[in-house]
């Protein structure tokens, strides 16, 4: 009822560091949660649940802010996380348009592990991927585990099918974020279940930084259903525009 009502793209030029942008909502100062920078790095945070937390350690927004304004490579991002004790339990997806690579940095308050992309692709949902992180992992319910595992299976199936077509297009990625079916029942739309886009989605965005493009959903939750606006990244510092949703033509 908040994040999907007033989506924003905010540009920042730090006194020390790399120009960066972040996606948030009006009134939400969250410079590191979903972000991109002028070096072609994108960063998104994804919830995990684990017993190893420490609320005296570094918070997610501060950690993400330091990464996006200082990291020029994926290794830079990994090194930044390694120097911090992280308060909570996250899966950070870091991509680099220049390196044409991606990695997931998984954290608890006691350790960190990295999983790299394989064969040019990397899927992530809301459970730990690295074996070293699974001891102590918890779930909100029994259904949660099935939900997050099946969503990852859906992503992997999408990657395999896209590879046969020669790669995923921008529209393919948007459709994935708005998927309304389960991996084992592709012909049966559902509102909940093992879906990528669901009624509690915070944001849906496709980064195409090699082309200087951010495609952001400006629709209400489930945000994966769009409509999307395609925003050309602009580091000039000039005032940009406000999208009037009442005049924005809805996509199919």
Protein backbone atom coordinates (compact mmCIF):
# COMPACT_ATOMS: atom_id res chain seq x y z
CA UNK A 1 0.00 0.00 0.00
CA UNK A 2 3.05 2.30 0.08
CA UNK A 3 5.88 1.05 -2.12
CA UNK A 4 3.71 0.32 -5.13
CA UNK A 5 1.77 3.62 -4.90
CA UNK A 6 4.65 6.02 -5.53
CA UNK A 7 7.63 4.27 -7.16
CA UNK A 8 10.66 6.52 -7.66
CA UNK A 9 14.04 6.50 -9.36
CA UNK A 10 16.49 8.71 -7.46
CA UNK A 11 19.90 9.86 -8.71
CA UNK A 12 22.76 10.65 -6.33
CA UNK A 13 26.17 12.23 -6.89
CA UNK A 14 28.22 11.59 -3.74
CA UNK A 15 31.05 13.90 -2.75
CA UNK A 16 33.26 10.80 -2.56
CA UNK A 17 32.36 7.85 -4.74
CA UNK A 18 30.56 6.76 -7.90
CA UNK A 19 27.35 8.36 -9.20
CA UNK A 20 24.50 5.97 -8.49
CA UNK A 21 20.76 5.64 -8.60
CA UNK A 22 18.30 3.75 -6.47
CA UNK A 23 14.70 2.62 -6.72
CA UNK A 24 12.40 3.31 -3.84
CA UNK A 25 9.11 4.99 -3.05
CA UNK A 26 8.23 8.59 -2.32
CA UNK A 27 9.40 9.35 1.21
CA UNK A 28 11.57 6.23 1.52
CA UNK A 29 15.29 7.06 1.71
CA UNK A 30 16.71 3.64 0.83
CA UNK A 31 19.86 4.24 -1.23
CA UNK A 32 21.18 0.69 -1.23
CA UNK A 33 18.32 -1.78 -1.42
CA UNK A 34 17.68 -1.77 -5.17
CA UNK A 35 20.35 0.27 -6.92
CA UNK A 36 22.66 0.77 -9.89
CA UNK A 37 25.75 2.88 -10.54
CA UNK A 38 27.71 4.52 -13.33
CA UNK A 39 30.17 1.59 -13.44
CA UNK A 40 27.41 -0.78 -14.57
CA UNK A 41 26.86 -2.44 -11.19
CA UNK A 42 23.35 -3.36 -10.04
CA UNK A 43 22.48 -4.42 -6.50
CA UNK A 44 19.34 -5.96 -5.04
CA UNK A 45 18.70 -7.38 -1.56
CA UNK A 46 16.57 -10.47 -0.97
CA UNK A 47 15.26 -11.74 2.36
CA UNK A 48 16.61 -14.86 4.06
CA UNK A 49 15.63 -16.24 7.48
CA UNK A 50 18.33 -17.49 9.86
CA UNK A 51 19.05 -17.69 13.57
CA UNK A 52 22.33 -15.77 13.30
CA UNK A 53 21.30 -12.12 13.64
CA UNK A 54 22.90 -9.22 15.52
CA UNK A 55 21.11 -5.88 15.64
CA UNK A 56 24.28 -4.12 16.81
CA UNK A 57 25.90 -4.84 13.44
CA UNK A 58 25.65 -3.05 10.07
CA UNK A 59 22.13 -2.49 8.76
CA UNK A 60 21.04 -3.36 5.24
CA UNK A 61 20.62 0.19 3.93
CA UNK A 62 24.06 1.30 5.15
CA UNK A 63 25.68 -1.80 3.67
CA UNK A 64 23.97 -1.41 0.32
CA UNK A 65 24.74 2.31 0.20
CA UNK A 66 28.46 1.69 0.66
CA UNK A 67 28.46 -1.00 -2.04
CA UNK A 68 26.64 0.99 -4.70
CA UNK A 69 28.66 4.19 -4.25
CA UNK A 70 32.08 2.53 -4.11
CA UNK A 71 32.00 -0.83 -5.97
CA UNK A 72 33.26 -0.87 -9.56
CA UNK A 73 33.37 -4.67 -9.83
CA UNK A 74 31.63 -7.66 -8.26
CA UNK A 75 34.82 -8.44 -6.33
CA UNK A 76 34.70 -4.91 -4.88
CA UNK A 77 31.20 -5.62 -3.56
CA UNK A 78 32.32 -8.94 -2.07
CA UNK A 79 35.25 -7.26 -0.33
CA UNK A 80 33.00 -4.56 1.13
CA UNK A 81 30.62 -7.14 2.61
CA UNK A 82 33.55 -9.17 3.97
CA UNK A 83 34.74 -6.14 5.96
CA UNK A 84 31.41 -5.72 7.74
CA UNK A 85 29.53 -7.69 10.32
CA UNK A 86 26.04 -7.70 8.86
CA UNK A 87 23.08 -7.42 11.20
CA UNK A 88 20.65 -9.62 9.34
CA UNK A 89 20.29 -12.46 6.89
CA UNK A 90 20.31 -11.56 3.21
CA UNK A 91 21.03 -12.67 -0.32
CA UNK A 92 22.62 -9.80 -2.24
CA UNK A 93 22.47 -10.12 -6.01
CA UNK A 94 25.27 -8.14 -7.66
CA UNK A 95 25.54 -7.90 -11.44
CA UNK A 96 28.13 -6.17 -13.60
CA UNK A 97 27.32 -5.08 -17.15
CA UNK A 98 31.03 -4.52 -17.85
CA UNK A 99 32.11 -7.90 -16.52
CA UNK A 100 29.03 -9.67 -17.90
CA UNK A 101 28.82 -11.63 -14.70
CA UNK A 102 26.80 -11.91 -11.50
CA UNK A 103 27.08 -13.28 -7.98
CA UNK A 104 24.93 -13.78 -4.90
CA UNK A 105 26.53 -12.74 -1.59
CA UNK A 106 24.74 -14.50 1.26
CA UNK A 107 25.09 -13.21 4.81
CA UNK A 108 24.30 -13.93 8.41
CA UNK A 109 25.67 -12.03 11.39
CA UNK A 110 28.47 -14.62 11.65
CA UNK A 111 29.48 -15.49 8.10
CA UNK A 112 29.32 -14.73 4.39
CA UNK A 113 29.43 -16.94 1.32
CA UNK A 114 29.39 -16.24 -2.45
CA UNK A 115 27.72 -18.14 -5.28
CA UNK A 116 28.77 -17.14 -8.82
CA UNK A 117 26.71 -17.30 -12.00
CA UNK A 118 27.14 -20.41 -14.12
CA UNK A 119 26.85 -20.43 -17.92
CA UNK A 120 25.87 -16.77 -17.90
CA UNK A 121 22.85 -17.08 -15.61
CA UNK A 122 22.02 -16.90 -11.93
CA UNK A 123 18.69 -17.42 -10.19
CA UNK A 124 17.80 -16.29 -6.69
CA UNK A 125 14.76 -16.50 -4.46
CA UNK A 126 14.42 -16.44 -0.66
CA UNK A 127 16.46 -19.34 0.68
CA UNK A 128 20.18 -19.95 1.15
CA UNK A 129 21.96 -21.45 -1.83
CA UNK A 130 25.38 -22.11 -0.32
CA UNK A 131 25.61 -25.28 1.77
CA UNK A 132 27.63 -23.54 4.49
CA UNK A 133 24.69 -21.22 5.24
CA UNK A 134 21.94 -23.77 5.69
CA UNK A 135 22.62 -24.82 9.28
CA UNK A 136 20.48 -22.49 11.39
CA UNK A 137 18.22 -21.42 8.53
CA UNK A 138 14.57 -21.06 9.53
CA UNK A 139 11.28 -20.54 7.69
CA UNK A 140 8.16 -18.51 8.43
CA UNK A 141 6.06 -21.62 7.80
CA UNK A 142 6.29 -25.10 6.28
CA UNK A 143 4.77 -23.69 3.11
CA UNK A 144 7.51 -21.06 2.82
CA UNK A 145 10.22 -23.60 2.00
CA UNK A 146 8.22 -25.17 -0.82
CA UNK A 147 7.28 -21.72 -2.07
CA UNK A 148 10.80 -20.34 -2.37
CA UNK A 149 12.32 -23.57 -3.77
CA UNK A 150 9.61 -23.91 -6.42
CA UNK A 151 10.03 -20.26 -7.47
CA UNK A 152 13.72 -20.92 -8.08
CA UNK A 153 12.80 -23.98 -10.16
CA UNK A 154 10.52 -21.73 -12.23
CA UNK A 155 13.38 -19.27 -12.78
CA UNK A 156 15.76 -22.04 -13.83
CA UNK A 157 13.19 -23.42 -16.28
CA UNK A 158 12.77 -19.93 -17.73
CA UNK A 159 16.54 -19.60 -18.20
CA UNK A 160 16.73 -22.97 -19.98
CA UNK A 161 13.88 -22.08 -22.33
CA UNK A 162 15.29 -18.60 -23.02
CA UNK A 163 18.69 -20.07 -23.84
CA UNK A 164 17.11 -22.21 -26.57
CA UNK A 165 15.66 -19.04 -28.09
CA UNK A 166 19.05 -17.31 -28.07
CA UNK A 167 18.58 -15.35 -24.84
CA UNK A 168 15.96 -13.47 -22.84
CA UNK A 169 14.51 -10.20 -24.08
CA UNK A 170 13.39 -7.29 -21.91
CA UNK A 171 9.78 -8.39 -22.38
CA UNK A 172 10.70 -11.96 -21.41
CA UNK A 173 12.14 -10.69 -18.13
CA UNK A 174 9.06 -8.58 -17.41
CA UNK A 175 6.83 -11.58 -18.09
CA UNK A 176 8.91 -13.69 -15.71
CA UNK A 177 8.45 -11.14 -12.92
CA UNK A 178 4.71 -11.28 -13.57
CA UNK A 179 4.48 -15.07 -13.84
CA UNK A 180 1.11 -16.26 -12.46
CA UNK A 181 1.64 -20.01 -12.63
CA UNK A 182 3.67 -22.71 -10.89
CA UNK A 183 6.56 -24.51 -12.52
CA UNK A 184 4.70 -27.84 -12.58
CA UNK A 185 1.40 -26.36 -13.81
CA UNK A 186 2.23 -23.81 -16.53
CA UNK A 187 -1.31 -23.82 -17.91
CA UNK A 188 -3.03 -23.04 -14.60
CA UNK A 189 -2.82 -19.39 -13.49
CA UNK A 190 -3.07 -18.78 -9.74
CA UNK A 191 -2.90 -15.74 -7.54
CA UNK A 192 -0.63 -17.33 -4.93
CA UNK A 193 1.45 -20.48 -4.76
CA UNK A 194 4.98 -20.82 -6.07
CA UNK A 195 4.93 -17.63 -8.09
CA UNK A 196 7.53 -15.00 -8.91
CA UNK A 197 5.13 -12.04 -8.87
CA UNK A 198 2.65 -12.14 -6.00
CA UNK A 199 0.33 -9.81 -4.12
CA UNK A 200 2.96 -8.64 -1.65
CA UNK A 201 5.61 -7.68 -4.23
CA UNK A 202 7.60 -4.61 -3.24
CA UNK A 203 9.12 -3.74 -6.62
CA UNK A 204 9.53 -5.22 -10.06
CA UNK A 205 12.42 -3.95 -12.16
CA UNK A 206 14.55 -5.13 -15.05
CA UNK A 207 18.05 -3.65 -15.31
CA UNK A 208 19.59 -3.54 -18.78
CA UNK A 209 22.63 -1.51 -17.84
CA UNK A 210 24.66 -2.49 -20.91
CA UNK A 211 22.04 -0.48 -22.84
CA UNK A 212 21.64 2.24 -20.22
CA UNK A 213 18.07 1.20 -19.41
CA UNK A 214 16.00 0.67 -16.27
CA UNK A 215 12.53 -0.82 -16.79
CA UNK A 216 10.43 -0.17 -13.68
CA UNK A 217 6.89 -1.29 -12.94
CA UNK A 218 4.64 1.61 -11.95
CA UNK A 219 1.60 -0.60 -11.36
CA UNK A 220 0.05 -1.66 -8.08
CA UNK A 221 0.93 -4.98 -6.47
CA UNK A 222 1.43 -7.55 -7.83
CA UNK A 223 3.89 -5.16 -9.44
CA UNK A 224 5.20 -7.78 -11.85
CA UNK A 225 2.06 -7.28 -13.91
CA UNK A 226 3.15 -3.75 -14.83
CA UNK A 227 2.72 -1.46 -16.61
CA UNK A 228 6.45 -0.82 -17.02
CA UNK A 229 8.15 2.43 -17.93
CA UNK A 230 11.49 2.23 -19.73
CA UNK A 231 13.82 4.85 -18.30
CA UNK A 232 17.03 5.88 -20.07
CA UNK A 233 19.72 6.34 -17.45
CA UNK A 234 20.87 9.96 -17.26
CA UNK A 235 23.90 10.99 -15.20
CA UNK A 236 23.72 14.68 -16.19
CA UNK A 237 22.10 15.86 -12.96
CA UNK A 238 19.32 17.60 -14.91
CA UNK A 239 15.77 17.49 -13.61
CA UNK A 240 13.91 14.58 -15.19
CA UNK A 241 10.18 13.92 -15.26
CA UNK A 242 7.28 12.73 -13.16
CA UNK A 243 5.11 10.07 -14.75
CA UNK A 244 1.40 10.83 -14.41
CA UNK A 245 -0.09 7.38 -13.93
CA UNK A 246 -3.54 8.58 -15.01
CA UNK A 247 -2.08 9.44 -18.41
CA UNK A 248 0.25 6.47 -18.70
CA UNK A 249 -1.13 4.03 -21.27
CA UNK A 250 -1.42 0.62 -19.66
CA UNK A 251 0.42 -2.29 -21.24
CA UNK A 252 -1.34 -5.56 -21.93
